Amino acid sequence: MHFAPDTEEALEFVVMLGSTDPGASRSGRDELQTLADLTAMLAPIPFTGRIDGDNVELLDVRQTRALLRRVWTLDRDDAVTEINRMLREAGALPQLARHDVSDWHLHATVPEAPLGERMRVEAALALIDVIRSDEMGRLRICEADACTGLVLDLSRNGSKRFCSVRCGNRMNMIAFRERQSTDATAQLARRVRK
């Protein structure tokens, strides 16, 4: 599955933001608790525009994370309602922009808009493409036990199940051990019957 590059980037950012949640993070803790956490999360991302670096912004980004994690799991019609609300609240006015190394892509807020608002609107614009393509099934929650990581399935056959190789390996190991245990139990039962 291929979306426009800016759509894929925005969706991948939602996955990254969602992965700071305690149920999805590698550390098992909330990885968006402090201003330092926010700074570290933003470091590899070329966000243009205003970044305040204060507790108000941190709270807004944390609320954005919760909202986007919830929208990720909605069905198509319910997602439309939330996306339209996010765009309306931001007074979004989509425009093409080109800057830095990015070719033409959509922006719908002014660079001075709060960071959390810009995150919500960029995610909303990306989710619009997903909805218009009728591909909400590509947005999932990790199938690994005790993981709530977000899964963006861009594979050709739509078969991605886990948020990371780590979760996939862990579940494969559990399945392997269960098969080994079942095989051992079956062998023991055969010996007992003899």
N, C-alpha and C. Protein backbone atom coordinates (compact mmCIF):
# COMPACT_ATOMS: atom_id res chain seq x y z
N MET A 1 0.85 -1.18 0.00
CA MET A 1 0.00 0.00 0.00
C MET A 1 0.89 1.23 0.00
N HIS A 2 0.60 2.14 -0.87
CA HIS A 2 1.38 3.38 -0.93
C HIS A 2 0.46 4.58 -0.85
N PHE A 3 0.81 5.49 0.04
CA PHE A 3 0.15 6.78 0.13
C PHE A 3 1.17 7.83 -0.30
N ALA A 4 0.73 9.06 -0.42
CA ALA A 4 1.66 10.14 -0.73
C ALA A 4 2.73 10.19 0.36
N PRO A 5 3.95 10.62 0.01
CA PRO A 5 5.03 10.64 1.01
C PRO A 5 4.69 11.40 2.29
N ASP A 6 4.03 12.56 2.17
CA ASP A 6 3.70 13.31 3.38
C ASP A 6 2.65 12.60 4.22
N THR A 7 1.77 11.84 3.57
CA THR A 7 0.77 11.06 4.30
C THR A 7 1.47 9.96 5.09
N GLU A 8 2.37 9.24 4.44
CA GLU A 8 3.10 8.17 5.15
C GLU A 8 3.93 8.74 6.29
N GLU A 9 4.59 9.88 6.07
CA GLU A 9 5.38 10.50 7.14
C GLU A 9 4.50 10.86 8.33
N ALA A 10 3.34 11.44 8.05
CA ALA A 10 2.44 11.84 9.14
C ALA A 10 1.91 10.61 9.89
N LEU A 11 1.57 9.56 9.15
CA LEU A 11 1.09 8.33 9.80
C LEU A 11 2.19 7.69 10.63
N GLU A 12 3.41 7.68 10.10
CA GLU A 12 4.55 7.13 10.85
C GLU A 12 4.81 7.96 12.11
N PHE A 13 4.59 9.28 12.02
CA PHE A 13 4.74 10.10 13.22
C PHE A 13 3.69 9.73 14.26
N VAL A 14 2.45 9.51 13.82
CA VAL A 14 1.40 9.11 14.78
C VAL A 14 1.81 7.81 15.47
N VAL A 15 2.36 6.87 14.72
CA VAL A 15 2.83 5.61 15.32
C VAL A 15 3.93 5.91 16.35
N MET A 16 4.87 6.77 15.98
CA MET A 16 5.96 7.11 16.90
C MET A 16 5.43 7.81 18.16
N LEU A 17 4.53 8.77 17.97
CA LEU A 17 3.92 9.46 19.11
C LEU A 17 3.14 8.48 19.97
N GLY A 18 2.34 7.62 19.33
CA GLY A 18 1.56 6.63 20.07
C GLY A 18 2.42 5.64 20.82
N SER A 19 3.64 5.42 20.32
CA SER A 19 4.55 4.46 20.96
C SER A 19 5.22 5.01 22.21
N THR A 20 4.94 6.26 22.55
CA THR A 20 5.45 6.80 23.81
C THR A 20 4.50 6.47 24.97
N ASP A 21 3.33 5.92 24.64
CA ASP A 21 2.34 5.55 25.66
C ASP A 21 2.86 4.37 26.48
N PRO A 22 2.57 4.35 27.79
CA PRO A 22 3.11 3.28 28.64
C PRO A 22 2.80 1.86 28.15
N GLY A 23 1.63 1.63 27.58
CA GLY A 23 1.28 0.30 27.10
C GLY A 23 1.96 -0.09 25.81
N ALA A 24 2.60 0.88 25.16
CA ALA A 24 3.22 0.62 23.86
C ALA A 24 4.73 0.87 23.85
N SER A 25 5.23 1.56 24.86
CA SER A 25 6.64 1.94 24.85
C SER A 25 7.54 0.76 25.17
N ARG A 26 8.74 0.80 24.66
CA ARG A 26 9.71 -0.27 24.93
C ARG A 26 10.07 -0.32 26.41
N SER A 27 10.10 0.83 27.05
CA SER A 27 10.51 0.89 28.46
C SER A 27 9.38 0.50 29.41
N GLY A 28 8.14 0.51 28.89
CA GLY A 28 6.99 0.23 29.74
C GLY A 28 6.56 1.43 30.56
N ARG A 29 7.21 2.57 30.33
CA ARG A 29 6.83 3.79 31.06
C ARG A 29 6.29 4.80 30.05
N ASP A 30 5.67 5.84 30.56
CA ASP A 30 5.21 6.93 29.71
C ASP A 30 6.45 7.68 29.24
N GLU A 31 6.74 7.60 27.97
CA GLU A 31 7.94 8.23 27.42
C GLU A 31 7.68 9.65 26.93
N LEU A 32 6.60 10.25 27.44
CA LEU A 32 6.29 11.63 27.14
C LEU A 32 5.84 12.32 28.42
N GLN A 33 6.64 12.13 29.47
CA GLN A 33 6.32 12.70 30.78
C GLN A 33 6.94 14.07 30.99
N THR A 34 8.10 14.28 30.43
CA THR A 34 8.85 15.50 30.73
C THR A 34 9.13 16.29 29.47
N LEU A 35 9.56 17.53 29.66
CA LEU A 35 9.96 18.36 28.53
C LEU A 35 11.15 17.74 27.81
N ALA A 36 12.03 17.11 28.56
CA ALA A 36 13.18 16.43 27.94
C ALA A 36 12.69 15.29 27.04
N ASP A 37 11.65 14.56 27.48
CA ASP A 37 11.08 13.49 26.65
C ASP A 37 10.53 14.07 25.34
N LEU A 38 9.82 15.19 25.44
CA LEU A 38 9.26 15.83 24.25
C LEU A 38 10.37 16.28 23.31
N THR A 39 11.41 16.89 23.87
CA THR A 39 12.53 17.35 23.05
C THR A 39 13.20 16.17 22.35
N ALA A 40 13.40 15.08 23.06
CA ALA A 40 14.03 13.90 22.47
C ALA A 40 13.16 13.30 21.37
N MET A 41 11.85 13.28 21.58
CA MET A 41 10.95 12.72 20.57
C MET A 41 10.98 13.57 19.30
N LEU A 42 11.05 14.88 19.46
CA LEU A 42 11.00 15.79 18.31
C LEU A 42 12.34 15.90 17.58
N ALA A 43 13.44 15.51 18.24
CA ALA A 43 14.79 15.71 17.68
C ALA A 43 14.95 15.19 16.24
N PRO A 44 14.50 13.98 15.93
CA PRO A 44 14.73 13.48 14.56
C PRO A 44 13.70 13.96 13.54
N ILE A 45 12.73 14.76 13.98
CA ILE A 45 11.63 15.15 13.10
C ILE A 45 11.76 16.61 12.70
N PRO A 46 11.68 16.88 11.41
CA PRO A 46 11.84 18.27 10.96
C PRO A 46 10.55 19.09 11.10
N PHE A 47 10.05 19.24 12.33
CA PHE A 47 8.86 20.07 12.54
C PHE A 47 9.22 21.52 12.30
N THR A 48 8.48 22.15 11.42
CA THR A 48 8.69 23.58 11.19
C THR A 48 7.71 24.34 12.06
N GLY A 49 8.01 25.58 12.31
CA GLY A 49 7.08 26.42 13.06
C GLY A 49 7.39 26.45 14.54
N ARG A 50 6.44 26.96 15.24
CA ARG A 50 6.55 27.26 16.67
C ARG A 50 6.72 26.01 17.52
N ILE A 51 7.69 26.05 18.40
CA ILE A 51 7.87 25.03 19.44
C ILE A 51 8.20 25.80 20.71
N ASP A 52 7.28 25.78 21.68
CA ASP A 52 7.44 26.56 22.92
C ASP A 52 8.34 25.87 23.94
N GLY A 53 8.27 24.55 23.99
CA GLY A 53 9.10 23.83 24.95
C GLY A 53 8.69 24.07 26.39
N ASP A 54 7.38 24.24 26.62
CA ASP A 54 6.92 24.46 27.99
C ASP A 54 5.91 23.38 28.38
N ASN A 55 5.49 23.43 29.65
CA ASN A 55 4.58 22.40 30.16
C ASN A 55 3.20 22.45 29.51
N VAL A 56 2.75 23.62 29.09
CA VAL A 56 1.46 23.73 28.39
C VAL A 56 1.53 22.94 27.08
N GLU A 57 2.63 23.11 26.37
CA GLU A 57 2.82 22.38 25.11
C GLU A 57 2.91 20.88 25.36
N LEU A 58 3.65 20.49 26.39
CA LEU A 58 3.78 19.08 26.73
C LEU A 58 2.41 18.47 27.01
N LEU A 59 1.58 19.13 27.78
CA LEU A 59 0.24 18.64 28.09
C LEU A 59 -0.59 18.52 26.81
N ASP A 60 -0.51 19.51 25.93
CA ASP A 60 -1.26 19.49 24.68
C ASP A 60 -0.81 18.32 23.80
N VAL A 61 0.48 18.08 23.72
CA VAL A 61 1.00 16.96 22.92
C VAL A 61 0.57 15.63 23.54
N ARG A 62 0.55 15.53 24.86
CA ARG A 62 0.09 14.30 25.51
C ARG A 62 -1.40 14.07 25.21
N GLN A 63 -2.19 15.13 25.23
CA GLN A 63 -3.62 14.99 24.90
C GLN A 63 -3.79 14.63 23.43
N THR A 64 -2.92 15.18 22.58
CA THR A 64 -2.95 14.83 21.16
C THR A 64 -2.64 13.35 20.98
N ARG A 65 -1.67 12.85 21.72
CA ARG A 65 -1.33 11.43 21.66
C ARG A 65 -2.55 10.57 21.98
N ALA A 66 -3.23 10.90 23.06
CA ALA A 66 -4.40 10.12 23.47
C ALA A 66 -5.50 10.18 22.40
N LEU A 67 -5.73 11.36 21.86
CA LEU A 67 -6.75 11.51 20.83
C LEU A 67 -6.40 10.70 19.59
N LEU A 68 -5.17 10.81 19.12
CA LEU A 68 -4.78 10.11 17.90
C LEU A 68 -4.76 8.60 18.10
N ARG A 69 -4.38 8.14 19.29
CA ARG A 69 -4.44 6.69 19.56
C ARG A 69 -5.89 6.21 19.50
N ARG A 70 -6.81 7.03 19.99
CA ARG A 70 -8.23 6.65 19.97
C ARG A 70 -8.76 6.65 18.53
N VAL A 71 -8.44 7.70 17.76
CA VAL A 71 -8.91 7.79 16.38
C VAL A 71 -8.37 6.62 15.56
N TRP A 72 -7.14 6.19 15.85
CA TRP A 72 -6.49 5.10 15.13
C TRP A 72 -7.35 3.83 15.15
N THR A 73 -8.11 3.65 16.22
CA THR A 73 -8.87 2.41 16.41
C THR A 73 -10.34 2.53 16.00
N LEU A 74 -10.76 3.70 15.57
CA LEU A 74 -12.17 3.90 15.21
C LEU A 74 -12.48 3.32 13.85
N ASP A 75 -13.76 3.03 13.64
CA ASP A 75 -14.15 2.63 12.29
C ASP A 75 -14.17 3.89 11.42
N ARG A 76 -14.31 3.67 10.15
CA ARG A 76 -14.17 4.75 9.17
C ARG A 76 -15.12 5.92 9.45
N ASP A 77 -16.40 5.65 9.67
CA ASP A 77 -17.38 6.73 9.87
C ASP A 77 -17.11 7.52 11.15
N ASP A 78 -16.78 6.81 12.23
CA ASP A 78 -16.49 7.50 13.49
C ASP A 78 -15.20 8.31 13.39
N ALA A 79 -14.24 7.79 12.64
CA ALA A 79 -12.99 8.53 12.43
C ALA A 79 -13.25 9.84 11.69
N VAL A 80 -14.14 9.80 10.71
CA VAL A 80 -14.48 11.02 9.96
C VAL A 80 -14.99 12.10 10.90
N THR A 81 -15.85 11.74 11.82
CA THR A 81 -16.40 12.71 12.78
C THR A 81 -15.28 13.37 13.57
N GLU A 82 -14.35 12.57 14.08
CA GLU A 82 -13.24 13.11 14.88
C GLU A 82 -12.29 13.96 14.03
N ILE A 83 -12.00 13.50 12.83
CA ILE A 83 -11.09 14.24 11.95
C ILE A 83 -11.69 15.58 11.57
N ASN A 84 -12.96 15.59 11.23
CA ASN A 84 -13.61 16.86 10.90
C ASN A 84 -13.60 17.82 12.09
N ARG A 85 -13.79 17.27 13.28
CA ARG A 85 -13.75 18.11 14.49
C ARG A 85 -12.36 18.71 14.69
N MET A 86 -11.31 17.89 14.52
CA MET A 86 -9.94 18.39 14.68
C MET A 86 -9.65 19.52 13.69
N LEU A 87 -10.06 19.33 12.46
CA LEU A 87 -9.82 20.35 11.43
C LEU A 87 -10.62 21.62 11.72
N ARG A 88 -11.87 21.46 12.14
CA ARG A 88 -12.73 22.61 12.46
C ARG A 88 -12.15 23.41 13.62
N GLU A 89 -11.75 22.70 14.69
CA GLU A 89 -11.21 23.39 15.87
C GLU A 89 -9.94 24.16 15.56
N ALA A 90 -9.17 23.68 14.59
CA ALA A 90 -7.92 24.35 14.23
C ALA A 90 -8.14 25.45 13.20
N GLY A 91 -9.36 25.56 12.68
CA GLY A 91 -9.60 26.52 11.61
C GLY A 91 -8.73 26.18 10.41
N ALA A 92 -8.59 24.90 10.13
CA ALA A 92 -7.67 24.41 9.10
C ALA A 92 -8.02 24.96 7.72
N LEU A 93 -6.99 25.39 7.03
CA LEU A 93 -7.10 25.89 5.67
C LEU A 93 -5.98 25.25 4.86
N PRO A 94 -6.26 24.09 4.25
CA PRO A 94 -5.19 23.36 3.54
C PRO A 94 -4.55 24.19 2.43
N GLN A 95 -3.23 24.13 2.41
CA GLN A 95 -2.44 24.81 1.39
C GLN A 95 -1.23 23.97 1.07
N LEU A 96 -0.76 24.07 -0.16
CA LEU A 96 0.46 23.37 -0.53
C LEU A 96 1.66 24.16 -0.02
N ALA A 97 2.66 23.45 0.46
CA ALA A 97 3.88 24.09 0.96
C ALA A 97 5.08 23.25 0.53
N ARG A 98 6.20 23.91 0.37
CA ARG A 98 7.46 23.21 0.07
C ARG A 98 8.53 23.91 0.88
N HIS A 99 9.29 23.12 1.63
CA HIS A 99 10.35 23.70 2.46
C HIS A 99 11.39 22.64 2.77
N ASP A 100 12.54 23.09 3.19
CA ASP A 100 13.65 22.20 3.54
C ASP A 100 13.84 21.15 2.45
N VAL A 101 13.83 19.88 2.82
CA VAL A 101 14.02 18.82 1.84
C VAL A 101 12.68 18.24 1.37
N SER A 102 11.58 18.76 1.86
CA SER A 102 10.25 18.24 1.52
C SER A 102 9.73 18.90 0.26
N ASP A 103 9.25 18.07 -0.67
CA ASP A 103 8.62 18.59 -1.87
C ASP A 103 7.21 19.06 -1.52
N TRP A 104 6.41 19.38 -2.49
CA TRP A 104 5.06 19.89 -2.25
C TRP A 104 4.28 18.92 -1.37
N HIS A 105 3.70 19.47 -0.33
CA HIS A 105 2.87 18.70 0.60
C HIS A 105 1.86 19.66 1.22
N LEU A 106 0.94 19.11 1.99
CA LEU A 106 -0.11 19.93 2.58
C LEU A 106 0.26 20.41 3.98
N HIS A 107 -0.05 21.68 4.23
CA HIS A 107 -0.08 22.25 5.57
C HIS A 107 -1.47 22.85 5.70
N ALA A 108 -2.01 22.87 6.88
CA ALA A 108 -3.35 23.43 7.05
C ALA A 108 -3.42 24.36 8.25
N THR A 109 -2.28 24.66 8.84
CA THR A 109 -2.22 25.62 9.94
C THR A 109 -1.06 26.57 9.65
N VAL A 110 -1.06 27.66 10.36
CA VAL A 110 0.06 28.59 10.23
C VAL A 110 1.22 28.07 11.08
N PRO A 111 2.46 28.40 10.73
CA PRO A 111 3.61 27.93 11.51
C PRO A 111 3.57 28.37 12.97
N GLU A 112 2.83 29.41 13.27
CA GLU A 112 2.75 29.92 14.65
C GLU A 112 1.73 29.17 15.49
N ALA A 113 0.97 28.27 14.88
CA ALA A 113 -0.02 27.50 15.64
C ALA A 113 0.70 26.63 16.67
N PRO A 114 0.05 26.34 17.79
CA PRO A 114 0.68 25.47 18.79
C PRO A 114 1.06 24.12 18.20
N LEU A 115 2.14 23.55 18.71
CA LEU A 115 2.68 22.29 18.23
C LEU A 115 1.63 21.17 18.23
N GLY A 116 0.92 21.00 19.33
CA GLY A 116 -0.10 19.95 19.40
C GLY A 116 -1.16 20.11 18.33
N GLU A 117 -1.56 21.34 18.08
CA GLU A 117 -2.56 21.60 17.04
C GLU A 117 -2.01 21.22 15.66
N ARG A 118 -0.76 21.58 15.40
CA ARG A 118 -0.16 21.23 14.12
C ARG A 118 -0.06 19.71 13.97
N MET A 119 0.27 19.02 15.07
CA MET A 119 0.33 17.56 15.03
C MET A 119 -1.04 16.97 14.70
N ARG A 120 -2.07 17.47 15.38
CA ARG A 120 -3.42 16.96 15.15
C ARG A 120 -3.86 17.18 13.70
N VAL A 121 -3.58 18.36 13.18
CA VAL A 121 -4.02 18.68 11.83
C VAL A 121 -3.25 17.87 10.79
N GLU A 122 -1.95 17.73 10.97
CA GLU A 122 -1.17 16.91 10.03
C GLU A 122 -1.65 15.46 10.05
N ALA A 123 -1.94 14.95 11.24
CA ALA A 123 -2.47 13.58 11.34
C ALA A 123 -3.84 13.50 10.67
N ALA A 124 -4.67 14.51 10.90
CA ALA A 124 -6.00 14.52 10.28
C ALA A 124 -5.90 14.51 8.76
N LEU A 125 -4.99 15.30 8.20
CA LEU A 125 -4.83 15.32 6.75
C LEU A 125 -4.39 13.95 6.23
N ALA A 126 -3.50 13.30 6.94
CA ALA A 126 -3.05 11.96 6.54
C ALA A 126 -4.20 10.95 6.65
N LEU A 127 -4.96 11.05 7.74
CA LEU A 127 -6.07 10.13 7.93
C LEU A 127 -7.16 10.32 6.89
N ILE A 128 -7.29 11.53 6.37
CA ILE A 128 -8.23 11.77 5.27
C ILE A 128 -7.88 10.88 4.08
N ASP A 129 -6.59 10.80 3.75
CA ASP A 129 -6.16 9.94 2.64
C ASP A 129 -6.47 8.48 2.92
N VAL A 130 -6.26 8.05 4.16
CA VAL A 130 -6.55 6.67 4.53
C VAL A 130 -8.04 6.38 4.37
N ILE A 131 -8.86 7.29 4.83
CA ILE A 131 -10.31 7.12 4.75
C ILE A 131 -10.78 7.14 3.30
N ARG A 132 -10.28 8.10 2.53
CA ARG A 132 -10.68 8.19 1.12
C ARG A 132 -10.27 6.96 0.34
N SER A 133 -9.19 6.32 0.75
CA SER A 133 -8.72 5.09 0.09
C SER A 133 -9.40 3.86 0.66
N ASP A 134 -10.27 4.05 1.66
CA ASP A 134 -10.95 2.96 2.35
C ASP A 134 -9.94 1.93 2.89
N GLU A 135 -8.93 2.46 3.59
CA GLU A 135 -7.85 1.62 4.10
C GLU A 135 -7.69 1.72 5.62
N MET A 136 -8.76 2.01 6.35
CA MET A 136 -8.66 2.09 7.81
C MET A 136 -8.17 0.78 8.41
N GLY A 137 -8.38 -0.33 7.71
CA GLY A 137 -7.89 -1.62 8.18
C GLY A 137 -6.38 -1.70 8.25
N ARG A 138 -5.69 -0.74 7.63
CA ARG A 138 -4.22 -0.68 7.68
C ARG A 138 -3.72 -0.08 8.99
N LEU A 139 -4.63 0.47 9.77
CA LEU A 139 -4.29 1.07 11.07
C LEU A 139 -4.77 0.11 12.15
N ARG A 140 -3.84 -0.44 12.91
CA ARG A 140 -4.19 -1.46 13.89
C ARG A 140 -3.45 -1.26 15.20
N ILE A 141 -3.82 -2.10 16.16
CA ILE A 141 -3.11 -2.21 17.43
C ILE A 141 -2.32 -3.51 17.36
N CYS A 142 -1.13 -3.51 17.89
CA CYS A 142 -0.24 -4.68 17.89
C CYS A 142 -0.97 -5.89 18.47
N GLU A 143 -0.77 -7.05 17.84
CA GLU A 143 -1.40 -8.28 18.30
C GLU A 143 -0.60 -9.01 19.37
N ALA A 144 0.56 -8.48 19.74
CA ALA A 144 1.37 -9.12 20.79
C ALA A 144 0.68 -8.97 22.14
N ASP A 145 0.83 -9.99 22.96
CA ASP A 145 0.29 -9.95 24.32
C ASP A 145 0.86 -8.74 25.06
N ALA A 146 0.02 -8.05 25.81
CA ALA A 146 0.44 -6.94 26.68
C ALA A 146 1.10 -5.80 25.92
N CYS A 147 0.77 -5.62 24.66
CA CYS A 147 1.30 -4.48 23.89
C CYS A 147 0.13 -3.74 23.25
N THR A 148 0.17 -2.43 23.34
CA THR A 148 -0.85 -1.61 22.70
C THR A 148 -0.23 -0.68 21.66
N GLY A 149 0.89 -1.11 21.11
CA GLY A 149 1.57 -0.32 20.08
C GLY A 149 0.71 -0.16 18.84
N LEU A 150 0.86 0.97 18.17
CA LEU A 150 0.13 1.21 16.93
C LEU A 150 0.85 0.53 15.78
N VAL A 151 0.08 -0.03 14.86
CA VAL A 151 0.64 -0.69 13.69
C VAL A 151 0.14 0.04 12.46
N LEU A 152 1.07 0.48 11.63
CA LEU A 152 0.76 1.05 10.32
C LEU A 152 1.19 0.01 9.31
N ASP A 153 0.22 -0.61 8.66
CA ASP A 153 0.52 -1.69 7.73
C ASP A 153 0.57 -1.15 6.30
N LEU A 154 1.77 -0.96 5.80
CA LEU A 154 1.96 -0.50 4.43
C LEU A 154 2.38 -1.66 3.52
N SER A 155 2.29 -2.89 4.04
CA SER A 155 2.68 -4.04 3.24
C SER A 155 1.70 -4.25 2.09
N ARG A 156 2.16 -4.91 1.07
CA ARG A 156 1.33 -5.15 -0.11
C ARG A 156 0.09 -5.98 0.23
N ASN A 157 0.26 -7.01 1.03
CA ASN A 157 -0.86 -7.92 1.31
C ASN A 157 -1.61 -7.60 2.60
N GLY A 158 -1.23 -6.54 3.30
CA GLY A 158 -1.96 -6.13 4.50
C GLY A 158 -1.88 -7.12 5.64
N SER A 159 -0.71 -7.75 5.81
CA SER A 159 -0.61 -8.82 6.81
C SER A 159 0.23 -8.46 8.04
N LYS A 160 0.66 -7.23 8.16
CA LYS A 160 1.49 -6.86 9.32
C LYS A 160 0.65 -6.96 10.60
N ARG A 161 1.20 -7.64 11.61
CA ARG A 161 0.45 -7.89 12.84
C ARG A 161 1.05 -7.23 14.07
N PHE A 162 2.35 -6.94 14.02
CA PHE A 162 3.03 -6.47 15.22
C PHE A 162 3.63 -5.09 15.00
N CYS A 163 3.77 -4.34 16.08
CA CYS A 163 4.29 -2.98 16.00
C CYS A 163 5.80 -2.94 15.79
N SER A 164 6.47 -4.04 16.12
CA SER A 164 7.92 -4.06 15.99
C SER A 164 8.40 -5.49 15.79
N VAL A 165 9.63 -5.62 15.35
CA VAL A 165 10.25 -6.93 15.22
C VAL A 165 10.32 -7.59 16.59
N ARG A 166 10.59 -6.77 17.63
CA ARG A 166 10.68 -7.29 18.99
C ARG A 166 9.40 -8.00 19.39
N CYS A 167 8.24 -7.37 19.14
CA CYS A 167 6.96 -8.00 19.49
C CYS A 167 6.72 -9.25 18.66
N GLY A 168 7.04 -9.19 17.36
CA GLY A 168 6.87 -10.36 16.50
C GLY A 168 7.73 -11.52 16.97
N ASN A 169 9.00 -11.24 17.29
CA ASN A 169 9.90 -12.29 17.78
C ASN A 169 9.41 -12.88 19.09
N ARG A 170 8.94 -12.02 19.98
CA ARG A 170 8.45 -12.49 21.28
C ARG A 170 7.26 -13.43 21.09
N MET A 171 6.32 -13.05 20.23
CA MET A 171 5.15 -13.90 20.01
C MET A 171 5.52 -15.19 19.28
N ASN A 172 6.48 -15.12 18.36
CA ASN A 172 6.95 -16.34 17.69
C ASN A 172 7.60 -17.28 18.68
N MET A 173 8.36 -16.74 19.62
CA MET A 173 9.01 -17.58 20.64
C MET A 173 7.96 -18.23 21.54
N ILE A 174 6.93 -17.47 21.91
CA ILE A 174 5.86 -18.04 22.73
C ILE A 174 5.17 -19.17 21.98
N ALA A 175 4.87 -18.95 20.69
CA ALA A 175 4.22 -20.00 19.89
C ALA A 175 5.12 -21.22 19.76
N PHE A 176 6.42 -21.00 19.57
CA PHE A 176 7.38 -22.11 19.47
C PHE A 176 7.39 -22.92 20.75
N ARG A 177 7.45 -22.23 21.89
CA ARG A 177 7.47 -22.93 23.18
C ARG A 177 6.17 -23.71 23.41
N GLU A 178 5.04 -23.13 22.99
CA GLU A 178 3.76 -23.83 23.14
C GLU A 178 3.75 -25.10 22.28
N ARG A 179 4.28 -25.01 21.05
CA ARG A 179 4.35 -26.19 20.18
C ARG A 179 5.26 -27.25 20.79
N GLN A 180 6.40 -26.80 21.33
CA GLN A 180 7.34 -27.74 21.96
C GLN A 180 6.67 -28.43 23.14
N SER A 181 5.94 -27.67 23.94
CA SER A 181 5.26 -28.22 25.11
C SER A 181 4.18 -29.21 24.69
N THR A 182 3.43 -28.86 23.65
CA THR A 182 2.39 -29.75 23.13
C THR A 182 3.00 -31.03 22.59
N ASP A 183 4.11 -30.90 21.85
CA ASP A 183 4.80 -32.08 21.31
C ASP A 183 5.30 -32.97 22.45
N ALA A 184 5.88 -32.35 23.47
CA ALA A 184 6.40 -33.12 24.61
C ALA A 184 5.26 -33.83 25.33
N THR A 185 4.14 -33.16 25.50
CA THR A 185 2.98 -33.76 26.16
C THR A 185 2.45 -34.93 25.34
N ALA A 186 2.40 -34.76 24.00
CA ALA A 186 1.91 -35.84 23.13
C ALA A 186 2.86 -37.05 23.18
N GLN A 187 4.17 -36.80 23.20
CA GLN A 187 5.13 -37.91 23.28
C GLN A 187 4.99 -38.65 24.60
N LEU A 188 4.81 -37.90 25.69
CA LEU A 188 4.63 -38.52 26.99
C LEU A 188 3.36 -39.36 27.01
N ALA A 189 2.29 -38.88 26.44
CA ALA A 189 1.03 -39.62 26.40
C ALA A 189 1.18 -40.91 25.60
N ARG A 190 1.93 -40.84 24.50
CA ARG A 190 2.17 -42.06 23.70
C ARG A 190 2.97 -43.10 24.49
N ARG A 191 3.96 -42.63 25.25
CA ARG A 191 4.76 -43.54 26.06
C ARG A 191 3.93 -44.20 27.16
N VAL A 192 3.05 -43.42 27.76
CA VAL A 192 2.22 -43.93 28.84
C VAL A 192 1.26 -45.00 28.31
N ARG A 193 0.74 -44.79 27.10
CA ARG A 193 -0.20 -45.75 26.51
C ARG A 193 0.49 -47.05 26.13
N LYS A 194 1.78 -47.03 25.87
CA LYS A 194 2.50 -48.26 25.47
C LYS A 194 2.67 -49.14 26.61
